[in-house]
Amino acid sequence: TSVNQISSVIPDRFTLTQNYPNPFNPSTQIEFKISQSASTILKVYNELGQEVATLVNEHLAPGSYNVHFVADGLSSGVYFYRLTSGTHTESKRMLLLK
Protein backbone atom coordinates (compact mmCIF):
# COMPACT_ATOMS: atom_id res chain seq x y z
CA THR A 1 0.00 0.00 0.00
CA SER A 2 1.01 3.58 -0.52
CA VAL A 3 -0.53 6.95 0.25
CA ASN A 4 -0.06 9.71 -2.31
CA GLN A 5 -1.10 13.32 -1.89
CA ILE A 6 -2.97 14.21 -5.08
CA SER A 7 -3.74 17.82 -4.20
CA SER A 8 -2.38 20.28 -1.68
CA VAL A 9 -5.44 22.52 -2.08
CA ILE A 10 -7.08 22.65 1.35
CA PRO A 11 -10.50 20.97 1.17
CA ASP A 12 -13.39 22.61 2.99
CA ARG A 13 -14.42 19.37 4.73
CA PHE A 14 -13.46 15.82 5.68
CA THR A 15 -14.48 13.33 2.95
CA LEU A 16 -14.03 9.59 2.40
CA THR A 17 -15.05 8.37 -1.06
CA GLN A 18 -16.18 4.93 -2.15
CA ASN A 19 -13.29 2.75 -3.30
CA TYR A 20 -12.86 2.20 -7.03
CA PRO A 21 -13.35 -0.27 -8.53
CA ASN A 22 -15.90 -1.92 -6.26
CA PRO A 23 -16.16 -4.91 -6.37
CA PHE A 24 -12.41 -5.34 -6.85
CA ASN A 25 -9.84 -8.07 -7.49
CA PRO A 26 -7.16 -7.84 -6.12
CA SER A 27 -6.52 -4.08 -5.88
CA THR A 28 -8.53 -0.91 -5.41
CA GLN A 29 -8.08 2.83 -4.85
CA ILE A 30 -9.39 4.73 -1.84
CA GLU A 31 -9.49 8.53 -1.93
CA PHE A 32 -10.03 10.88 0.98
CA LYS A 33 -9.77 14.57 1.83
CA ILE A 34 -8.85 16.13 5.13
CA SER A 35 -9.30 19.81 5.94
CA GLN A 36 -6.96 20.02 8.94
CA SER A 37 -3.51 18.72 9.74
CA ALA A 38 -4.04 15.69 11.98
CA SER A 39 -3.03 12.18 12.91
CA THR A 40 -4.74 10.07 10.25
CA ILE A 41 -5.52 6.34 10.33
CA LEU A 42 -7.06 4.25 7.55
CA LYS A 43 -7.73 0.61 8.41
CA VAL A 44 -9.48 -2.31 6.72
CA TYR A 45 -11.68 -4.75 8.68
CA ASN A 46 -13.37 -8.04 7.79
CA GLU A 47 -17.07 -8.80 8.40
CA LEU A 48 -16.28 -9.92 11.96
CA GLY A 49 -14.73 -6.55 12.76
CA GLN A 50 -11.19 -7.93 12.84
CA GLU A 51 -8.49 -5.61 11.52
CA VAL A 52 -6.88 -7.05 8.38
CA ALA A 53 -4.74 -4.09 7.22
CA THR A 54 -3.51 -0.65 8.25
CA LEU A 55 -3.15 1.47 5.13
CA VAL A 56 -2.32 4.85 6.71
CA ASN A 57 -1.06 5.67 10.19
CA GLU A 58 0.68 9.03 10.09
CA HIS A 59 0.28 12.75 10.58
CA LEU A 60 -0.98 14.26 7.32
CA ALA A 61 -1.29 17.83 6.12
CA PRO A 62 -4.61 19.11 4.75
CA GLY A 63 -5.24 17.93 1.19
CA SER A 64 -6.56 15.15 -1.02
CA TYR A 65 -5.02 11.68 -0.84
CA ASN A 66 -5.19 8.44 -2.79
CA VAL A 67 -4.34 5.04 -1.25
CA HIS A 68 -3.68 1.93 -3.35
CA PHE A 69 -4.83 -1.23 -1.50
CA VAL A 70 -3.79 -4.70 -2.67
CA ALA A 71 -5.80 -7.48 -1.03
CA ASP A 72 -3.41 -10.36 -1.71
CA GLY A 73 -3.92 -13.10 0.85
CA LEU A 74 -7.48 -12.09 1.70
CA SER A 75 -10.48 -14.23 0.79
CA SER A 76 -13.50 -13.07 -1.19
CA GLY A 77 -16.09 -11.22 0.85
CA VAL A 78 -17.24 -7.93 2.33
CA TYR A 79 -14.69 -5.67 3.98
CA PHE A 80 -15.00 -2.30 5.66
CA TYR A 81 -12.52 0.56 5.66
CA ARG A 82 -12.51 3.28 8.30
CA LEU A 83 -10.78 6.64 8.14
CA THR A 84 -10.10 8.60 11.32
CA SER A 85 -8.49 12.03 11.15
CA GLY A 86 -8.58 14.30 14.17
CA THR A 87 -12.13 14.18 15.52
CA HIS A 88 -13.66 12.88 12.26
CA THR A 89 -14.40 9.23 11.49
CA GLU A 90 -16.13 7.64 8.51
CA SER A 91 -16.50 4.07 7.24
CA LYS A 92 -17.38 2.51 3.89
CA ARG A 93 -18.00 -1.02 2.63
CA MET A 94 -16.15 -2.76 -0.21
CA LEU A 95 -16.42 -6.16 -1.88
CA LEU A 96 -13.49 -8.39 -2.83
CA LEU A 97 -14.32 -10.95 -5.54
CA LYS A 98 -11.68 -13.50 -6.52
C-alpha atoms as a PDB file:
ATOM      1  CA  THR A   1       0.000   0.000   0.000  1.00  0.00           C
ATOM      2  CA  SER A   2       1.007   3.577  -0.521  1.00  0.00           C
ATOM      3  CA  VAL A   3      -0.531   6.952   0.249  1.00  0.00           C
ATOM      4  CA  ASN A   4      -0.065   9.714  -2.306  1.00  0.00           C
ATOM      5  CA  GLN A   5      -1.097  13.323  -1.893  1.00  0.00           C
ATOM      6  CA  ILE A   6      -2.967  14.207  -5.083  1.00  0.00           C
ATOM      7  CA  SER A   7      -3.741  17.825  -4.199  1.00  0.00           C
ATOM      8  CA  SER A   8      -2.385  20.285  -1.678  1.00  0.00           C
ATOM      9  CA  VAL A   9      -5.439  22.524  -2.083  1.00  0.00           C
ATOM     10  CA  ILE A  10      -7.077  22.645   1.347  1.00  0.00           C
ATOM     11  CA  PRO A  11     -10.499  20.975   1.171  1.00  0.00           C
ATOM     12  CA  ASP A  12     -13.390  22.613   2.985  1.00  0.00           C
ATOM     13  CA  ARG A  13     -14.422  19.367   4.726  1.00  0.00           C
ATOM     14  CA  PHE A  14     -13.461  15.818   5.677  1.00  0.00           C
ATOM     15  CA  THR A  15     -14.482  13.333   2.953  1.00  0.00           C
ATOM     16  CA  LEU A  16     -14.025   9.586   2.401  1.00  0.00           C
ATOM     17  CA  THR A  17     -15.046   8.373  -1.058  1.00  0.00           C
ATOM     18  CA  GLN A  18     -16.182   4.925  -2.153  1.00  0.00           C
ATOM     19  CA  ASN A  19     -13.293   2.749  -3.298  1.00  0.00           C
ATOM     20  CA  TYR A  20     -12.862   2.202  -7.032  1.00  0.00           C
ATOM     21  CA  PRO A  21     -13.349  -0.273  -8.528  1.00  0.00           C
ATOM     22  CA  ASN A  22     -15.902  -1.920  -6.258  1.00  0.00           C
ATOM     23  CA  PRO A  23     -16.156  -4.907  -6.368  1.00  0.00           C
ATOM     24  CA  PHE A  24     -12.413  -5.336  -6.846  1.00  0.00           C
ATOM     25  CA  ASN A  25      -9.837  -8.070  -7.487  1.00  0.00           C
ATOM     26  CA  PRO A  26      -7.155  -7.837  -6.122  1.00  0.00           C
ATOM     27  CA  SER A  27      -6.515  -4.083  -5.877  1.00  0.00           C
ATOM     28  CA  THR A  28      -8.526  -0.907  -5.412  1.00  0.00           C
ATOM     29  CA  GLN A  29      -8.076   2.826  -4.854  1.00  0.00           C
ATOM     30  CA  ILE A  30      -9.391   4.733  -1.838  1.00  0.00           C
ATOM     31  CA  GLU A  31      -9.490   8.528  -1.927  1.00  0.00           C
ATOM     32  CA  PHE A  32     -10.035  10.883   0.979  1.00  0.00           C
ATOM     33  CA  LYS A  33      -9.774  14.567   1.826  1.00  0.00           C
ATOM     34  CA  ILE A  34      -8.852  16.129   5.131  1.00  0.00           C
ATOM     35  CA  SER A  35      -9.295  19.806   5.941  1.00  0.00           C
ATOM     36  CA  GLN A  36      -6.960  20.017   8.941  1.00  0.00           C
ATOM     37  CA  SER A  37      -3.505  18.721   9.740  1.00  0.00           C
ATOM     38  CA  ALA A  38      -4.035  15.690  11.985  1.00  0.00           C
ATOM     39  CA  SER A  39      -3.029  12.184  12.913  1.00  0.00           C
ATOM     40  CA  THR A  40      -4.741  10.068  10.253  1.00  0.00           C
ATOM     41  CA  ILE A  41      -5.518   6.344  10.329  1.00  0.00           C
ATOM     42  CA  LEU A  42      -7.061   4.254   7.554  1.00  0.00           C
ATOM     43  CA  LYS A  43      -7.726   0.611   8.405  1.00  0.00           C
ATOM     44  CA  VAL A  44      -9.479  -2.313   6.721  1.00  0.00           C
ATOM     45  CA  TYR A  45     -11.678  -4.750   8.679  1.00  0.00           C
ATOM     46  CA  ASN A  46     -13.374  -8.038   7.794  1.00  0.00           C
ATOM     47  CA  GLU A  47     -17.065  -8.799   8.401  1.00  0.00           C
ATOM     48  CA  LEU A  48     -16.278  -9.916  11.957  1.00  0.00           C
ATOM     49  CA  GLY A  49     -14.727  -6.553  12.762  1.00  0.00           C
ATOM     50  CA  GLN A  50     -11.185  -7.930  12.838  1.00  0.00           C
ATOM     51  CA  GLU A  51      -8.490  -5.608  11.518  1.00  0.00           C
ATOM     52  CA  VAL A  52      -6.876  -7.048   8.377  1.00  0.00           C
ATOM     53  CA  ALA A  53      -4.743  -4.094   7.220  1.00  0.00           C
ATOM     54  CA  THR A  54      -3.511  -0.653   8.249  1.00  0.00           C
ATOM     55  CA  LEU A  55      -3.148   1.473   5.131  1.00  0.00           C
ATOM     56  CA  VAL A  56      -2.323   4.850   6.707  1.00  0.00           C
ATOM     57  CA  ASN A  57      -1.062   5.666  10.192  1.00  0.00           C
ATOM     58  CA  GLU A  58       0.677   9.027  10.090  1.00  0.00           C
ATOM     59  CA  HIS A  59       0.282  12.753  10.583  1.00  0.00           C
ATOM     60  CA  LEU A  60      -0.983  14.259   7.319  1.00  0.00           C
ATOM     61  CA  ALA A  61      -1.290  17.832   6.116  1.00  0.00           C
ATOM     62  CA  PRO A  62      -4.614  19.112   4.748  1.00  0.00           C
ATOM     63  CA  GLY A  63      -5.238  17.930   1.191  1.00  0.00           C
ATOM     64  CA  SER A  64      -6.563  15.147  -1.015  1.00  0.00           C
ATOM     65  CA  TYR A  65      -5.022  11.682  -0.835  1.00  0.00           C
ATOM     66  CA  ASN A  66      -5.190   8.435  -2.788  1.00  0.00           C
ATOM     67  CA  VAL A  67      -4.337   5.040  -1.255  1.00  0.00           C
ATOM     68  CA  HIS A  68      -3.682   1.930  -3.349  1.00  0.00           C
ATOM     69  CA  PHE A  69      -4.826  -1.226  -1.504  1.00  0.00           C
ATOM     70  CA  VAL A  70      -3.789  -4.701  -2.674  1.00  0.00           C
ATOM     71  CA  ALA A  71      -5.803  -7.478  -1.029  1.00  0.00           C
ATOM     72  CA  ASP A  72      -3.405 -10.357  -1.709  1.00  0.00           C
ATOM     73  CA  GLY A  73      -3.915 -13.100   0.854  1.00  0.00           C
ATOM     74  CA  LEU A  74      -7.484 -12.086   1.703  1.00  0.00           C
ATOM     75  CA  SER A  75     -10.476 -14.229   0.787  1.00  0.00           C
ATOM     76  CA  SER A  76     -13.499 -13.070  -1.187  1.00  0.00           C
ATOM     77  CA  GLY A  77     -16.095 -11.216   0.848  1.00  0.00           C
ATOM     78  CA  VAL A  78     -17.241  -7.930   2.327  1.00  0.00           C
ATOM     79  CA  TYR A  79     -14.686  -5.673   3.978  1.00  0.00           C
ATOM     80  CA  PHE A  80     -15.001  -2.299   5.659  1.00  0.00           C
ATOM     81  CA  TYR A  81     -12.518   0.558   5.665  1.00  0.00           C
ATOM     82  CA  ARG A  82     -12.506   3.280   8.296  1.00  0.00           C
ATOM     83  CA  LEU A  83     -10.778   6.641   8.135  1.00  0.00           C
ATOM     84  CA  THR A  84     -10.103   8.600  11.316  1.00  0.00           C
ATOM     85  CA  SER A  85      -8.488  12.032  11.150  1.00  0.00           C
ATOM     86  CA  GLY A  86      -8.580  14.296  14.168  1.00  0.00           C
ATOM     87  CA  THR A  87     -12.131  14.181  15.517  1.00  0.00           C
ATOM     88  CA  HIS A  88     -13.661  12.876  12.259  1.00  0.00           C
ATOM     89  CA  THR A  89     -14.399   9.226  11.488  1.00  0.00           C
ATOM     90  CA  GLU A  90     -16.132   7.642   8.511  1.00  0.00           C
ATOM     91  CA  SER A  91     -16.505   4.067   7.243  1.00  0.00           C
ATOM     92  CA  LYS A  92     -17.379   2.513   3.893  1.00  0.00           C
ATOM     93  CA  ARG A  93     -17.996  -1.017   2.632  1.00  0.00           C
ATOM     94  CA  MET A  94     -16.148  -2.764  -0.209  1.00  0.00           C
ATOM     95  CA  LEU A  95     -16.424  -6.160  -1.880  1.00  0.00           C
ATOM     96  CA  LEU A  96     -13.493  -8.392  -2.828  1.00  0.00           C
ATOM     97  CA  LEU A  97     -14.319 -10.955  -5.536  1.00  0.00           C
ATOM     98  CA  LYS A  98     -11.680 -13.499  -6.518  1.00  0.00           C
END
